[in-house]
Amino acid sequence: MNFIKLKLDDATYQYLKDRFDGDVNLIEDFIKKMLSKEIKKIRLDPNDLDKKNTSDNLENYLKSGKSGSRSYGVKGQGW
């Protein structure tokens, strides 16, 4: 297991200390769980990334035409 030393601002440290009655082990467990959850949220699954890019590209394409132009109507918006 690897270790990281964290520096917390006073308010955060005091909140954790109060919440867990000063039990350092409980504070460490809480922080580990919170970091793991956040990392899972931001870790990108290649399949999800492809779906997001396809969706974004389609949305950008549909928004690229000017309203009232023929290309805008062909894209299914407006006309």
N, C-alpha and C. Protein backbone atom coordinates (compact mmCIF):
# COMPACT_ATOMS: atom_id res chain seq x y z
N MET A 1 0.84 -1.18 0.00
CA MET A 1 0.00 0.00 0.00
C MET A 1 0.88 1.23 0.00
N ASN A 2 0.47 2.23 -0.77
CA ASN A 2 1.20 3.50 -0.83
C ASN A 2 0.53 4.52 0.07
N PHE A 3 1.29 5.52 0.45
CA PHE A 3 0.79 6.53 1.36
C PHE A 3 0.92 7.91 0.75
N ILE A 4 -0.05 8.76 1.08
CA ILE A 4 -0.02 10.17 0.68
C ILE A 4 -0.31 11.00 1.92
N LYS A 5 0.48 12.02 2.11
CA LYS A 5 0.23 12.92 3.23
C LYS A 5 -0.56 14.11 2.69
N LEU A 6 -1.71 14.38 3.30
CA LEU A 6 -2.56 15.47 2.84
C LEU A 6 -2.49 16.65 3.81
N LYS A 7 -2.47 17.83 3.25
CA LYS A 7 -2.57 19.03 4.06
C LYS A 7 -3.98 19.57 3.87
N LEU A 8 -4.70 19.72 4.96
CA LEU A 8 -6.07 20.19 4.93
C LEU A 8 -6.14 21.60 5.51
N ASP A 9 -7.07 22.38 4.99
CA ASP A 9 -7.27 23.69 5.61
C ASP A 9 -7.88 23.48 6.99
N ASP A 10 -7.78 24.49 7.82
CA ASP A 10 -8.20 24.36 9.22
C ASP A 10 -9.68 23.98 9.35
N ALA A 11 -10.53 24.59 8.53
CA ALA A 11 -11.97 24.33 8.64
C ALA A 11 -12.30 22.87 8.28
N THR A 12 -11.68 22.35 7.24
CA THR A 12 -11.92 20.96 6.83
C THR A 12 -11.42 20.00 7.90
N TYR A 13 -10.23 20.26 8.41
CA TYR A 13 -9.67 19.40 9.45
C TYR A 13 -10.57 19.40 10.69
N GLN A 14 -10.99 20.59 11.09
CA GLN A 14 -11.83 20.69 12.29
C GLN A 14 -13.17 19.97 12.08
N TYR A 15 -13.73 20.10 10.89
CA TYR A 15 -15.00 19.41 10.58
C TYR A 15 -14.82 17.90 10.71
N LEU A 16 -13.77 17.36 10.09
CA LEU A 16 -13.53 15.92 10.16
C LEU A 16 -13.25 15.46 11.59
N LYS A 17 -12.48 16.25 12.30
CA LYS A 17 -12.15 15.91 13.69
C LYS A 17 -13.42 15.87 14.55
N ASP A 18 -14.29 16.86 14.35
CA ASP A 18 -15.56 16.91 15.11
C ASP A 18 -16.49 15.77 14.69
N ARG A 19 -16.57 15.54 13.40
CA ARG A 19 -17.49 14.52 12.89
C ARG A 19 -17.13 13.12 13.39
N PHE A 20 -15.84 12.84 13.45
CA PHE A 20 -15.39 11.50 13.82
C PHE A 20 -14.78 11.45 15.22
N ASP A 21 -15.13 12.42 16.04
CA ASP A 21 -14.67 12.48 17.43
C ASP A 21 -13.16 12.31 17.56
N GLY A 22 -12.41 12.85 16.62
CA GLY A 22 -10.95 12.81 16.68
C GLY A 22 -10.32 11.47 16.35
N ASP A 23 -11.13 10.49 15.93
CA ASP A 23 -10.60 9.16 15.61
C ASP A 23 -9.91 9.20 14.24
N VAL A 24 -8.60 9.18 14.24
CA VAL A 24 -7.81 9.30 13.01
C VAL A 24 -8.11 8.16 12.04
N ASN A 25 -8.32 6.96 12.54
CA ASN A 25 -8.61 5.82 11.66
C ASN A 25 -9.93 6.02 10.92
N LEU A 26 -10.95 6.54 11.61
CA LEU A 26 -12.23 6.80 10.95
C LEU A 26 -12.09 7.90 9.90
N ILE A 27 -11.31 8.92 10.24
CA ILE A 27 -11.07 10.01 9.28
C ILE A 27 -10.37 9.48 8.04
N GLU A 28 -9.34 8.66 8.22
CA GLU A 28 -8.62 8.08 7.09
C GLU A 28 -9.53 7.22 6.23
N ASP A 29 -10.36 6.39 6.86
CA ASP A 29 -11.28 5.55 6.10
C ASP A 29 -12.26 6.39 5.29
N PHE A 30 -12.78 7.44 5.91
CA PHE A 30 -13.72 8.33 5.22
C PHE A 30 -13.06 8.97 4.00
N ILE A 31 -11.86 9.49 4.18
CA ILE A 31 -11.15 10.15 3.08
C ILE A 31 -10.84 9.16 1.96
N LYS A 32 -10.43 7.94 2.31
CA LYS A 32 -10.14 6.92 1.29
C LYS A 32 -11.40 6.61 0.48
N LYS A 33 -12.55 6.46 1.16
CA LYS A 33 -13.80 6.17 0.46
C LYS A 33 -14.20 7.32 -0.45
N MET A 34 -14.06 8.55 0.04
CA MET A 34 -14.43 9.72 -0.76
C MET A 34 -13.54 9.82 -2.01
N LEU A 35 -12.25 9.62 -1.85
CA LEU A 35 -11.34 9.68 -2.99
C LEU A 35 -11.65 8.57 -4.00
N SER A 36 -11.91 7.38 -3.51
CA SER A 36 -12.23 6.26 -4.41
C SER A 36 -13.49 6.55 -5.22
N LYS A 37 -14.52 7.10 -4.56
CA LYS A 37 -15.77 7.44 -5.26
C LYS A 37 -15.52 8.49 -6.34
N GLU A 38 -14.77 9.52 -6.01
CA GLU A 38 -14.50 10.59 -6.97
C GLU A 38 -13.67 10.10 -8.15
N ILE A 39 -12.71 9.25 -7.87
CA ILE A 39 -11.88 8.70 -8.95
C ILE A 39 -12.71 7.83 -9.87
N LYS A 40 -13.62 7.03 -9.32
CA LYS A 40 -14.51 6.21 -10.15
C LYS A 40 -15.39 7.08 -11.04
N LYS A 41 -15.81 8.24 -10.53
CA LYS A 41 -16.65 9.14 -11.33
C LYS A 41 -15.88 9.70 -12.53
N ILE A 42 -14.62 10.03 -12.32
CA ILE A 42 -13.88 10.69 -13.40
C ILE A 42 -13.12 9.73 -14.30
N ARG A 43 -12.96 8.49 -13.86
CA ARG A 43 -12.29 7.51 -14.70
C ARG A 43 -13.16 7.23 -15.91
N LEU A 44 -12.61 7.36 -17.09
CA LEU A 44 -13.42 7.24 -18.30
C LEU A 44 -13.38 5.83 -18.87
N ASP A 45 -14.56 5.30 -19.09
CA ASP A 45 -14.72 4.03 -19.78
C ASP A 45 -14.68 4.34 -21.28
N PRO A 46 -13.82 3.66 -22.07
CA PRO A 46 -13.73 3.97 -23.50
C PRO A 46 -15.08 3.92 -24.21
N ASN A 47 -15.97 3.01 -23.83
CA ASN A 47 -17.28 2.94 -24.46
C ASN A 47 -18.10 4.18 -24.15
N ASP A 48 -18.06 4.65 -22.93
CA ASP A 48 -18.79 5.85 -22.55
C ASP A 48 -18.23 7.06 -23.28
N LEU A 49 -16.91 7.12 -23.45
CA LEU A 49 -16.29 8.23 -24.14
C LEU A 49 -16.75 8.29 -25.59
N ASP A 50 -16.82 7.13 -26.28
CA ASP A 50 -17.29 7.10 -27.66
C ASP A 50 -18.73 7.57 -27.77
N LYS A 51 -19.59 7.13 -26.84
CA LYS A 51 -20.99 7.55 -26.85
C LYS A 51 -21.09 9.05 -26.64
N LYS A 52 -20.31 9.60 -25.73
CA LYS A 52 -20.35 11.03 -25.44
C LYS A 52 -19.89 11.82 -26.65
N ASN A 53 -18.79 11.39 -27.29
CA ASN A 53 -18.29 12.10 -28.46
C ASN A 53 -19.31 12.08 -29.60
N THR A 54 -19.96 10.95 -29.83
CA THR A 54 -20.95 10.85 -30.89
C THR A 54 -22.11 11.79 -30.60
N SER A 55 -22.57 11.79 -29.38
CA SER A 55 -23.68 12.65 -28.99
C SER A 55 -23.29 14.12 -29.14
N ASP A 56 -22.11 14.49 -28.66
CA ASP A 56 -21.65 15.87 -28.75
C ASP A 56 -21.49 16.30 -30.21
N ASN A 57 -20.92 15.41 -31.03
CA ASN A 57 -20.72 15.75 -32.44
C ASN A 57 -22.04 15.97 -33.15
N LEU A 58 -23.03 15.14 -32.89
CA LEU A 58 -24.34 15.30 -33.50
C LEU A 58 -24.98 16.60 -33.04
N GLU A 59 -24.91 16.89 -31.77
CA GLU A 59 -25.49 18.12 -31.24
C GLU A 59 -24.80 19.34 -31.85
N ASN A 60 -23.48 19.32 -31.94
CA ASN A 60 -22.75 20.44 -32.54
C ASN A 60 -23.12 20.60 -34.01
N TYR A 61 -23.27 19.50 -34.74
CA TYR A 61 -23.65 19.55 -36.14
C TYR A 61 -25.03 20.19 -36.30
N LEU A 62 -25.97 19.78 -35.47
CA LEU A 62 -27.31 20.32 -35.57
C LEU A 62 -27.37 21.80 -35.22
N LYS A 63 -26.51 22.23 -34.33
CA LYS A 63 -26.49 23.63 -33.92
C LYS A 63 -25.67 24.50 -34.88
N SER A 64 -24.94 23.89 -35.80
CA SER A 64 -24.02 24.65 -36.64
C SER A 64 -24.72 25.47 -37.72
N GLY A 65 -25.90 25.06 -38.15
CA GLY A 65 -26.59 25.81 -39.21
C GLY A 65 -27.29 27.03 -38.67
N LYS A 66 -27.45 28.04 -39.54
CA LYS A 66 -28.15 29.25 -39.13
C LYS A 66 -29.65 29.04 -39.31
N SER A 67 -30.42 29.63 -38.43
CA SER A 67 -31.86 29.48 -38.54
C SER A 67 -32.34 30.19 -39.80
N GLY A 68 -33.26 29.55 -40.52
CA GLY A 68 -33.78 30.12 -41.76
C GLY A 68 -33.03 29.68 -42.99
N SER A 69 -31.87 29.07 -42.84
CA SER A 69 -31.12 28.61 -44.02
C SER A 69 -31.61 27.22 -44.40
N ARG A 70 -31.41 26.85 -45.65
CA ARG A 70 -31.85 25.54 -46.10
C ARG A 70 -31.09 24.42 -45.37
N SER A 71 -29.81 24.62 -45.15
CA SER A 71 -29.05 23.57 -44.45
C SER A 71 -29.57 23.37 -43.05
N TYR A 72 -30.08 24.43 -42.46
CA TYR A 72 -30.64 24.33 -41.13
C TYR A 72 -31.89 23.45 -41.16
N GLY A 73 -32.74 23.64 -42.18
CA GLY A 73 -33.96 22.86 -42.31
C GLY A 73 -33.67 21.41 -42.64
N VAL A 74 -32.66 21.16 -43.45
CA VAL A 74 -32.29 19.79 -43.82
C VAL A 74 -31.87 19.02 -42.58
N LYS A 75 -31.30 19.70 -41.63
CA LYS A 75 -30.84 19.03 -40.41
C LYS A 75 -31.99 18.69 -39.48
N GLY A 76 -33.20 19.04 -39.87
CA GLY A 76 -34.35 18.65 -39.07
C GLY A 76 -34.75 19.70 -38.06
N GLN A 77 -34.22 20.87 -38.20
CA GLN A 77 -34.61 21.95 -37.29
C GLN A 77 -35.12 23.13 -38.11
N GLY A 78 -36.17 23.71 -37.67
CA GLY A 78 -36.65 24.91 -38.37
C GLY A 78 -37.76 24.56 -39.34
N TRP A 79 -37.46 24.25 -40.54
CA TRP A 79 -38.44 24.08 -41.61
C TRP A 79 -39.45 23.08 -41.18
